[in-house]
Amino acid sequence: MLQVAYQGEPGAFSEAAAIEHFGNSANPVARDSFEAVFDCVTTGECDLGFIPIENSVNGSIHRNYDLLLQHDLYIISEYHLRIQHCLIARPEATLADIKRVISHPQGLGQCRQTLPTLVNAKPETVYDTAGAVKMVAAGSDIHLAAIASRRAAEIYGMNILAEGIEDNPSNFTRFLTISRSPVQPQGATKTTIVFSLKHQPGALYQALAAFANHDIDLTKIESRPLIGRPWEYLFYIDFAGACSHPETQKAIKMLETETLEMRVFGSYPRNKAF
């Protein structure tokens, strides 16, 4: 059985997404940080890693873009999970008791409009959504609640005070599977690359023209600071198609003439959950 590392405690959304995506073919393995996920895949301790890369409400998880660059790993699949948040407290607590709400920054950020209408409580960030529920369960404070999944409440025996408290019902997180080896996908595919550019007028325009000239659909563009070169950037691009496609090969060859450096993280099956 595949050992698949994810960040968080049992009951985390990453674990739920891994279970949905891999089914019975994999065993989710909890790790306490994104760095630990990448490291255990790199060393071979786990077969695969499963990381969130962006949320449809809160945007990109920038740390994982940086870690992709720092490790010699490949993206081999993606998965979209519908995120449904719950307000979770001790069994004896009521909504009126709550004075503090803890969760991962993403969890708090995705409920920032709804939460004040439920409780007049102070939000506080912790390392993980399911970890927040674990902290509630470990104590005896009826004034403390967590934002996390229904599964987390069930695992730790806690009570759900409110369900579906995310601000937007179209709340999805996109996850990536990372591996030491690439795959050769068939059917609908996506490719992720990163590149840096010459610091001159029109450089990004010329780079993106490589895709437009070959009718390739760009699905995401993300910029990150280029460490050691202030005010210069790396550009992460997701686009439809695989590196094995003739038009993709032509586009990448054209792109290489415009970039200082470029790296392909992999082509992988495109998830079309919605």
C-alpha atoms as a PDB file:
ATOM      1  CA  MET A   1       0.000   0.000   0.000  1.00  0.00           C
ATOM      2  CA  LEU A   2       1.272   3.459  -0.902  1.00  0.00           C
ATOM      3  CA  GLN A   3       2.380   5.632   2.007  1.00  0.00           C
ATOM      4  CA  VAL A   4       1.107   9.165   1.310  1.00  0.00           C
ATOM      5  CA  ALA A   5       2.334  12.002   3.527  1.00  0.00           C
ATOM      6  CA  TYR A   6       0.134  14.998   4.302  1.00  0.00           C
ATOM      7  CA  GLN A   7       0.454  17.987   6.636  1.00  0.00           C
ATOM      8  CA  GLY A   8      -1.773  18.004   9.700  1.00  0.00           C
ATOM      9  CA  GLU A   9      -3.455  15.776  12.238  1.00  0.00           C
ATOM     10  CA  PRO A  10      -5.929  12.968  11.463  1.00  0.00           C
ATOM     11  CA  GLY A  11      -9.150  14.681  10.442  1.00  0.00           C
ATOM     12  CA  ALA A  12      -7.389  17.430   8.477  1.00  0.00           C
ATOM     13  CA  PHE A  13      -8.831  18.402   5.106  1.00  0.00           C
ATOM     14  CA  SER A  14      -5.606  17.153   3.498  1.00  0.00           C
ATOM     15  CA  GLU A  15      -6.243  13.697   4.942  1.00  0.00           C
ATOM     16  CA  ALA A  16      -9.869  13.763   3.719  1.00  0.00           C
ATOM     17  CA  ALA A  17      -8.742  14.764   0.227  1.00  0.00           C
ATOM     18  CA  ALA A  18      -6.100  12.014   0.178  1.00  0.00           C
ATOM     19  CA  ILE A  19      -8.676   9.404   1.205  1.00  0.00           C
ATOM     20  CA  GLU A  20     -11.075  10.553  -1.522  1.00  0.00           C
ATOM     21  CA  HIS A  21      -8.360  10.745  -4.168  1.00  0.00           C
ATOM     22  CA  PHE A  22      -6.490   7.495  -3.511  1.00  0.00           C
ATOM     23  CA  GLY A  23      -9.223   5.365  -1.938  1.00  0.00           C
ATOM     24  CA  ASN A  24      -8.011   2.063  -0.512  1.00  0.00           C
ATOM     25  CA  SER A  25      -4.757   2.109  -2.499  1.00  0.00           C
ATOM     26  CA  ALA A  26      -2.967   4.397  -0.025  1.00  0.00           C
ATOM     27  CA  ASN A  27      -2.337   4.920   3.665  1.00  0.00           C
ATOM     28  CA  PRO A  28      -2.354   8.619   4.684  1.00  0.00           C
ATOM     29  CA  VAL A  29       0.633   9.484   6.913  1.00  0.00           C
ATOM     30  CA  ALA A  30       0.380  12.599   9.111  1.00  0.00           C
ATOM     31  CA  ARG A  31       3.298  15.049   9.219  1.00  0.00           C
ATOM     32  CA  ASP A  32       3.526  18.231  11.264  1.00  0.00           C
ATOM     33  CA  SER A  33       4.690  20.590   8.501  1.00  0.00           C
ATOM     34  CA  PHE A  34       4.809  21.012   4.733  1.00  0.00           C
ATOM     35  CA  GLU A  35       8.606  20.802   4.954  1.00  0.00           C
ATOM     36  CA  ALA A  36       8.307  17.384   6.611  1.00  0.00           C
ATOM     37  CA  VAL A  37       6.011  16.177   3.809  1.00  0.00           C
ATOM     38  CA  PHE A  38       8.551  17.124   1.140  1.00  0.00           C
ATOM     39  CA  ASP A  39      11.455  15.704   3.141  1.00  0.00           C
ATOM     40  CA  CYS A  40       9.892  12.285   3.730  1.00  0.00           C
ATOM     41  CA  VAL A  41       9.113  11.915   0.015  1.00  0.00           C
ATOM     42  CA  THR A  42      12.631  13.020  -0.923  1.00  0.00           C
ATOM     43  CA  THR A  43      14.240  10.489   1.450  1.00  0.00           C
ATOM     44  CA  GLY A  44      11.901   7.664   0.401  1.00  0.00           C
ATOM     45  CA  GLU A  45      10.276   7.352   3.834  1.00  0.00           C
ATOM     46  CA  CYS A  46       6.931   7.874   2.072  1.00  0.00           C
ATOM     47  CA  ASP A  47       6.024   7.022  -1.515  1.00  0.00           C
ATOM     48  CA  LEU A  48       4.111  10.230  -2.221  1.00  0.00           C
ATOM     49  CA  GLY A  49       3.239  13.586  -0.719  1.00  0.00           C
ATOM     50  CA  PHE A  50      -0.136  15.311  -0.884  1.00  0.00           C
ATOM     51  CA  ILE A  51      -0.113  19.096  -0.519  1.00  0.00           C
ATOM     52  CA  PRO A  52      -2.631  21.943  -0.861  1.00  0.00           C
ATOM     53  CA  ILE A  53      -1.528  24.471  -3.470  1.00  0.00           C
ATOM     54  CA  GLU A  54      -4.456  26.892  -3.720  1.00  0.00           C
ATOM     55  CA  ASN A  55      -7.903  27.646  -2.341  1.00  0.00           C
ATOM     56  CA  SER A  56     -10.685  29.154  -4.424  1.00  0.00           C
ATOM     57  CA  VAL A  57     -11.417  31.750  -1.701  1.00  0.00           C
ATOM     58  CA  ASN A  58      -8.088  32.462   0.003  1.00  0.00           C
ATOM     59  CA  GLY A  59      -5.759  31.980  -2.967  1.00  0.00           C
ATOM     60  CA  SER A  60      -2.383  30.281  -3.215  1.00  0.00           C
ATOM     61  CA  ILE A  61      -0.415  28.488  -0.502  1.00  0.00           C
ATOM     62  CA  HIS A  62       2.858  30.239  -1.254  1.00  0.00           C
ATOM     63  CA  ARG A  63       5.015  28.083   1.005  1.00  0.00           C
ATOM     64  CA  ASN A  64       4.322  25.031  -1.134  1.00  0.00           C
ATOM     65  CA  TYR A  65       5.329  26.860  -4.324  1.00  0.00           C
ATOM     66  CA  ASP A  66       8.661  27.645  -2.672  1.00  0.00           C
ATOM     67  CA  LEU A  67       9.099  24.050  -1.494  1.00  0.00           C
ATOM     68  CA  LEU A  68       8.427  22.703  -4.981  1.00  0.00           C
ATOM     69  CA  LEU A  69      11.362  24.742  -6.209  1.00  0.00           C
ATOM     70  CA  GLN A  70      13.620  23.590  -3.375  1.00  0.00           C
ATOM     71  CA  HIS A  71      13.102  19.855  -3.935  1.00  0.00           C
ATOM     72  CA  ASP A  72      13.783  17.544  -6.863  1.00  0.00           C
ATOM     73  CA  LEU A  73      10.262  16.130  -7.012  1.00  0.00           C
ATOM     74  CA  TYR A  74       7.509  15.889  -9.636  1.00  0.00           C
ATOM     75  CA  ILE A  75       3.786  16.636  -9.686  1.00  0.00           C
ATOM     76  CA  ILE A  76       1.871  13.515 -10.764  1.00  0.00           C
ATOM     77  CA  SER A  77      -1.793  14.344 -10.057  1.00  0.00           C
ATOM     78  CA  GLU A  78      -4.198  16.967  -8.742  1.00  0.00           C
ATOM     79  CA  TYR A  79      -7.450  16.789  -6.787  1.00  0.00           C
ATOM     80  CA  HIS A  80     -10.154  19.329  -5.852  1.00  0.00           C
ATOM     81  CA  LEU A  81     -11.844  18.997  -2.448  1.00  0.00           C
ATOM     82  CA  ARG A  82     -15.025  20.856  -1.491  1.00  0.00           C
ATOM     83  CA  ILE A  83     -14.284  22.534   1.862  1.00  0.00           C
ATOM     84  CA  GLN A  84     -17.053  22.629   4.470  1.00  0.00           C
ATOM     85  CA  HIS A  85     -16.121  24.174   7.817  1.00  0.00           C
ATOM     86  CA  CYS A  86     -17.700  23.506  11.199  1.00  0.00           C
ATOM     87  CA  LEU A  87     -17.523  25.380  14.503  1.00  0.00           C
ATOM     88  CA  ILE A  88     -16.513  22.693  17.001  1.00  0.00           C
ATOM     89  CA  ALA A  89     -16.372  22.796  20.806  1.00  0.00           C
ATOM     90  CA  ARG A  90     -16.503  20.541  23.860  1.00  0.00           C
ATOM     91  CA  PRO A  91     -19.724  18.496  24.327  1.00  0.00           C
ATOM     92  CA  GLU A  92     -20.823  20.620  27.303  1.00  0.00           C
ATOM     93  CA  ALA A  93     -20.255  23.967  25.517  1.00  0.00           C
ATOM     94  CA  THR A  94     -22.946  26.110  23.890  1.00  0.00           C
ATOM     95  CA  LEU A  95     -22.616  28.777  21.216  1.00  0.00           C
ATOM     96  CA  ALA A  96     -23.048  31.475  23.870  1.00  0.00           C
ATOM     97  CA  ASP A  97     -20.023  30.135  25.805  1.00  0.00           C
ATOM     98  CA  ILE A  98     -17.487  30.660  23.013  1.00  0.00           C
ATOM     99  CA  LYS A  99     -14.936  33.452  23.515  1.00  0.00           C
ATOM    100  CA  ARG A 100     -11.977  32.166  21.454  1.00  0.00           C
ATOM    101  CA  VAL A 101     -11.913  30.396  18.076  1.00  0.00           C
ATOM    102  CA  ILE A 102      -8.760  28.655  16.877  1.00  0.00           C
ATOM    103  CA  SER A 103      -7.855  27.216  13.482  1.00  0.00           C
ATOM    104  CA  HIS A 104      -5.285  27.195  10.709  1.00  0.00           C
ATOM    105  CA  PRO A 105      -4.992  30.644   9.035  1.00  0.00           C
ATOM    106  CA  GLN A 106      -6.714  29.256   5.938  1.00  0.00           C
ATOM    107  CA  GLY A 107      -9.653  28.024   8.026  1.00  0.00           C
ATOM    108  CA  LEU A 108     -10.079  31.369   9.764  1.00  0.00           C
ATOM    109  CA  GLY A 109      -9.655  33.251   6.490  1.00  0.00           C
ATOM    110  CA  GLN A 110     -12.380  31.232   4.783  1.00  0.00           C
ATOM    111  CA  CYS A 111     -14.878  32.038   7.578  1.00  0.00           C
ATOM    112  CA  ARG A 112     -13.949  35.655   8.325  1.00  0.00           C
ATOM    113  CA  GLN A 113     -17.360  37.058   7.331  1.00  0.00           C
ATOM    114  CA  THR A 114     -19.597  34.368   8.831  1.00  0.00           C
ATOM    115  CA  LEU A 115     -17.776  33.841  12.135  1.00  0.00           C
ATOM    116  CA  PRO A 116     -18.612  37.259  13.686  1.00  0.00           C
ATOM    117  CA  THR A 117     -22.321  36.646  13.043  1.00  0.00           C
ATOM    118  CA  LEU A 118     -22.160  33.408  15.068  1.00  0.00           C
ATOM    119  CA  VAL A 119     -20.040  34.358  18.074  1.00  0.00           C
ATOM    120  CA  ASN A 120     -18.389  37.446  19.523  1.00  0.00           C
ATOM    121  CA  ALA A 121     -15.091  35.608  19.854  1.00  0.00           C
ATOM    122  CA  LYS A 122     -11.414  36.318  19.272  1.00  0.00           C
ATOM    123  CA  PRO A 123      -9.878  34.318  16.380  1.00  0.00           C
ATOM    124  CA  GLU A 124      -6.423  32.794  16.943  1.00  0.00           C
ATOM    125  CA  THR A 125      -4.231  30.922  14.480  1.00  0.00           C
ATOM    126  CA  VAL A 126      -2.778  27.471  15.169  1.00  0.00           C
ATOM    127  CA  TYR A 127      -0.870  24.960  13.038  1.00  0.00           C
ATOM    128  CA  ASP A 128      -3.764  22.887  11.674  1.00  0.00           C
ATOM    129  CA  THR A 129      -7.580  22.700  11.499  1.00  0.00           C
ATOM    130  CA  ALA A 130      -7.815  19.190  12.935  1.00  0.00           C
ATOM    131  CA  GLY A 131      -5.014  20.070  15.350  1.00  0.00           C
ATOM    132  CA  ALA A 132      -7.233  22.866  16.661  1.00  0.00           C
ATOM    133  CA  VAL A 133      -9.941  20.321  17.489  1.00  0.00           C
ATOM    134  CA  LYS A 134      -7.326  18.125  19.166  1.00  0.00           C
ATOM    135  CA  MET A 135      -6.373  21.109  21.344  1.00  0.00           C
ATOM    136  CA  VAL A 136     -10.020  21.702  22.305  1.00  0.00           C
ATOM    137  CA  ALA A 137     -10.409  18.029  23.205  1.00  0.00           C
ATOM    138  CA  ALA A 138      -7.199  17.970  25.260  1.00  0.00           C
ATOM    139  CA  GLY A 139      -8.413  20.715  27.615  1.00  0.00           C
ATOM    140  CA  SER A 140     -11.527  21.550  29.584  1.00  0.00           C
ATOM    141  CA  ASP A 141     -12.203  25.093  28.363  1.00  0.00           C
ATOM    142  CA  ILE A 142     -15.854  25.491  27.350  1.00  0.00           C
ATOM    143  CA  HIS A 143     -15.045  28.973  26.019  1.00  0.00           C
ATOM    144  CA  LEU A 144     -12.755  27.561  23.296  1.00  0.00           C
ATOM    145  CA  ALA A 145     -13.916  26.425  19.841  1.00  0.00           C
ATOM    146  CA  ALA A 146     -12.195  25.312  16.641  1.00  0.00           C
ATOM    147  CA  ILE A 147     -12.910  25.629  12.940  1.00  0.00           C
ATOM    148  CA  ALA A 148     -12.369  22.308  11.195  1.00  0.00           C
ATOM    149  CA  SER A 149     -14.117  19.448   9.389  1.00  0.00           C
ATOM    150  CA  ARG A 150     -16.989  17.253  10.566  1.00  0.00           C
ATOM    151  CA  ARG A 151     -14.562  14.306  10.450  1.00  0.00           C
ATOM    152  CA  ALA A 152     -12.244  16.063  12.920  1.00  0.00           C
ATOM    153  CA  ALA A 153     -15.147  16.548  15.354  1.00  0.00           C
ATOM    154  CA  GLU A 154     -16.005  12.855  15.081  1.00  0.00           C
ATOM    155  CA  ILE A 155     -12.405  11.678  15.546  1.00  0.00           C
ATOM    156  CA  TYR A 156     -11.909  13.679  18.756  1.00  0.00           C
ATOM    157  CA  GLY A 157     -15.440  13.267  20.120  1.00  0.00           C
ATOM    158  CA  MET A 158     -16.298  16.957  20.051  1.00  0.00           C
ATOM    159  CA  ASN A 159     -19.601  18.749  19.410  1.00  0.00           C
ATOM    160  CA  ILE A 160     -20.516  20.671  16.241  1.00  0.00           C
ATOM    161  CA  LEU A 161     -22.086  24.019  17.191  1.00  0.00           C
ATOM    162  CA  ALA A 162     -22.535  25.225  13.603  1.00  0.00           C
ATOM    163  CA  GLU A 163     -21.941  23.612  10.208  1.00  0.00           C
ATOM    164  CA  GLY A 164     -21.240  25.067   6.772  1.00  0.00           C
ATOM    165  CA  ILE A 165     -19.793  28.281   8.190  1.00  0.00           C
ATOM    166  CA  GLU A 166     -17.493  28.957   5.227  1.00  0.00           C
ATOM    167  CA  ASP A 167     -18.218  32.359   3.674  1.00  0.00           C
ATOM    168  CA  ASN A 168     -18.608  31.021   0.143  1.00  0.00           C
ATOM    169  CA  PRO A 169     -20.229  27.694  -0.787  1.00  0.00           C
ATOM    170  CA  SER A 170     -17.941  27.496  -3.848  1.00  0.00           C
ATOM    171  CA  ASN A 171     -15.012  26.805  -1.549  1.00  0.00           C
ATOM    172  CA  PHE A 172     -12.557  24.304  -3.018  1.00  0.00           C
ATOM    173  CA  THR A 173      -8.945  23.484  -2.274  1.00  0.00           C
ATOM    174  CA  ARG A 174      -6.720  22.130  -5.017  1.00  0.00           C
ATOM    175  CA  PHE A 175      -4.212  19.485  -3.914  1.00  0.00           C
ATOM    176  CA  LEU A 176      -1.132  18.167  -5.721  1.00  0.00           C
ATOM    177  CA  THR A 177       0.498  14.758  -5.442  1.00  0.00           C
ATOM    178  CA  ILE A 178       4.307  14.915  -5.394  1.00  0.00           C
ATOM    179  CA  SER A 179       6.588  12.012  -6.262  1.00  0.00           C
ATOM    180  CA  ARG A 180      10.241  11.177  -6.879  1.00  0.00           C
ATOM    181  CA  SER A 181       9.334  10.042 -10.417  1.00  0.00           C
ATOM    182  CA  PRO A 182       7.214  11.679 -13.142  1.00  0.00           C
ATOM    183  CA  VAL A 183       4.244  10.079 -14.910  1.00  0.00           C
ATOM    184  CA  GLN A 184       3.157   9.967 -18.566  1.00  0.00           C
ATOM    185  CA  PRO A 185      -0.540  10.886 -18.370  1.00  0.00           C
ATOM    186  CA  GLN A 186      -3.178  10.105 -20.958  1.00  0.00           C
ATOM    187  CA  GLY A 187      -6.350  12.040 -21.783  1.00  0.00           C
ATOM    188  CA  ALA A 188      -6.991  15.501 -20.304  1.00  0.00           C
ATOM    189  CA  THR A 189      -3.744  16.712 -18.807  1.00  0.00           C
ATOM    190  CA  LYS A 190      -2.130  19.700 -17.163  1.00  0.00           C
ATOM    191  CA  THR A 191       1.526  20.760 -16.877  1.00  0.00           C
ATOM    192  CA  THR A 192       3.239  22.952 -14.287  1.00  0.00           C
ATOM    193  CA  ILE A 193       6.477  24.832 -14.968  1.00  0.00           C
ATOM    194  CA  VAL A 194       8.515  27.631 -13.388  1.00  0.00           C
ATOM    195  CA  PHE A 195      10.849  30.127 -15.080  1.00  0.00           C
ATOM    196  CA  SER A 196      12.729  33.370 -14.554  1.00  0.00           C
ATOM    197  CA  LEU A 197      13.069  36.172 -17.102  1.00  0.00           C
ATOM    198  CA  LYS A 198      15.459  38.805 -18.263  1.00  0.00           C
ATOM    199  CA  HIS A 199      14.741  42.052 -16.422  1.00  0.00           C
ATOM    200  CA  GLN A 200      13.680  44.077 -19.439  1.00  0.00           C
ATOM    201  CA  PRO A 201      10.504  45.607 -20.938  1.00  0.00           C
ATOM    202  CA  GLY A 202       8.140  43.112 -22.548  1.00  0.00           C
ATOM    203  CA  ALA A 203       9.868  40.039 -21.140  1.00  0.00           C
ATOM    204  CA  LEU A 204       6.714  38.501 -19.614  1.00  0.00           C
ATOM    205  CA  TYR A 205       4.671  39.384 -22.709  1.00  0.00           C
ATOM    206  CA  GLN A 206       7.150  37.568 -24.953  1.00  0.00           C
ATOM    207  CA  ALA A 207       7.219  34.558 -22.633  1.00  0.00           C
ATOM    208  CA  LEU A 208       3.442  34.202 -22.561  1.00  0.00           C
ATOM    209  CA  ALA A 209       3.270  34.626 -26.327  1.00  0.00           C
ATOM    210  CA  ALA A 210       4.849  31.164 -26.603  1.00  0.00           C
ATOM    211  CA  PHE A 211       1.591  29.700 -25.325  1.00  0.00           C
ATOM    212  CA  ALA A 212      -0.769  32.018 -27.211  1.00  0.00           C
ATOM    213  CA  ASN A 213       1.015  31.288 -30.503  1.00  0.00           C
ATOM    214  CA  HIS A 214       0.380  27.562 -30.049  1.00  0.00           C
ATOM    215  CA  ASP A 215      -3.227  27.804 -28.769  1.00  0.00           C
ATOM    216  CA  ILE A 216      -2.345  26.543 -25.298  1.00  0.00           C
ATOM    217  CA  ASP A 217      -4.702  27.486 -22.471  1.00  0.00           C
ATOM    218  CA  LEU A 218      -2.995  28.922 -19.362  1.00  0.00           C
ATOM    219  CA  THR A 219      -4.968  27.901 -16.258  1.00  0.00           C
ATOM    220  CA  LYS A 220      -2.873  29.697 -13.605  1.00  0.00           C
ATOM    221  CA  ILE A 221      -0.020  32.196 -13.278  1.00  0.00           C
ATOM    222  CA  GLU A 222       1.730  32.741  -9.938  1.00  0.00           C
ATOM    223  CA  SER A 223       4.743  34.963  -9.224  1.00  0.00           C
ATOM    224  CA  ARG A 224       7.153  34.482  -6.318  1.00  0.00           C
ATOM    225  CA  PRO A 225      10.190  36.553  -5.285  1.00  0.00           C
ATOM    226  CA  LEU A 226      13.509  35.405  -6.722  1.00  0.00           C
ATOM    227  CA  ILE A 227      15.623  35.055  -3.579  1.00  0.00           C
ATOM    228  CA  GLY A 228      18.894  36.991  -3.745  1.00  0.00           C
ATOM    229  CA  ARG A 229      17.699  39.231  -6.585  1.00  0.00           C
ATOM    230  CA  PRO A 230      15.442  41.946  -5.106  1.00  0.00           C
ATOM    231  CA  TRP A 231      12.395  42.926  -7.188  1.00  0.00           C
ATOM    232  CA  GLU A 232      12.867  40.064  -9.624  1.00  0.00           C
ATOM    233  CA  TYR A 233      10.478  37.131  -9.770  1.00  0.00           C
ATOM    234  CA  LEU A 234       9.901  33.511 -10.636  1.00  0.00           C
ATOM    235  CA  PHE A 235       6.764  32.717 -12.620  1.00  0.00           C
ATOM    236  CA  TYR A 236       4.861  29.494 -12.027  1.00  0.00           C
ATOM    237  CA  ILE A 237       2.557  28.515 -14.890  1.00  0.00           C
ATOM    238  CA  ASP A 238      -0.114  25.821 -15.142  1.00  0.00           C
ATOM    239  CA  PHE A 239      -1.356  25.069 -18.640  1.00  0.00           C
ATOM    240  CA  ALA A 240      -3.573  22.542 -20.377  1.00  0.00           C
ATOM    241  CA  GLY A 241      -1.703  19.765 -22.168  1.00  0.00           C
ATOM    242  CA  ALA A 242       1.237  17.437 -21.618  1.00  0.00           C
ATOM    243  CA  CYS A 243       4.927  17.853 -22.383  1.00  0.00           C
ATOM    244  CA  SER A 244       4.613  14.978 -24.843  1.00  0.00           C
ATOM    245  CA  HIS A 245       2.192  16.932 -27.068  1.00  0.00           C
ATOM    246  CA  PRO A 246       3.822  18.401 -30.210  1.00  0.00           C
ATOM    247  CA  GLU A 247       2.351  21.888 -29.681  1.00  0.00           C
ATOM    248  CA  THR A 248       3.499  21.900 -26.063  1.00  0.00           C
ATOM    249  CA  GLN A 249       7.017  20.960 -27.125  1.00  0.00           C
ATOM    250  CA  LYS A 250       7.051  23.839 -29.631  1.00  0.00           C
ATOM    251  CA  ALA A 251       5.782  26.289 -27.012  1.00  0.00           C
ATOM    252  CA  ILE A 252       8.382  25.215 -24.451  1.00  0.00           C
ATOM    253  CA  LYS A 253      11.168  25.466 -27.039  1.00  0.00           C
ATOM    254  CA  MET A 254      10.014  29.011 -27.863  1.00  0.00           C
ATOM    255  CA  LEU A 255       9.748  29.860 -24.165  1.00  0.00           C
ATOM    256  CA  GLU A 256      13.309  28.698 -23.507  1.00  0.00           C
ATOM    257  CA  THR A 257      14.628  31.439 -25.819  1.00  0.00           C
ATOM    258  CA  GLU A 258      13.007  34.077 -23.560  1.00  0.00           C
ATOM    259  CA  THR A 259      13.903  32.715 -20.108  1.00  0.00           C
ATOM    260  CA  LEU A 260      17.040  32.726 -17.973  1.00  0.00           C
ATOM    261  CA  GLU A 261      16.142  29.342 -16.504  1.00  0.00           C
ATOM    262  CA  MET A 262      13.154  27.018 -16.645  1.00  0.00           C
ATOM    263  CA  ARG A 263      12.031  23.827 -14.936  1.00  0.00           C
ATOM    264  CA  VAL A 264       9.154  21.445 -15.650  1.00  0.00           C
ATOM    265  CA  PHE A 265       7.531  20.005 -12.521  1.00  0.00           C
ATOM    266  CA  GLY A 266       5.571  17.480 -14.537  1.00  0.00           C
ATOM    267  CA  SER A 267       2.516  16.699 -16.628  1.00  0.00           C
ATOM    268  CA  TYR A 268      -0.363  14.997 -14.841  1.00  0.00           C
ATOM    269  CA  PRO A 269      -4.056  14.060 -15.224  1.00  0.00           C
ATOM    270  CA  ARG A 270      -6.350  17.057 -14.983  1.00  0.00           C
ATOM    271  CA  ASN A 271      -8.995  16.835 -12.276  1.00  0.00           C
ATOM    272  CA  LYS A 272     -12.449  17.932 -13.439  1.00  0.00           C
ATOM    273  CA  ALA A 273     -14.469  17.572 -10.257  1.00  0.00           C
ATOM    274  CA  PHE A 274     -16.549  20.678 -11.073  1.00  0.00           C
END
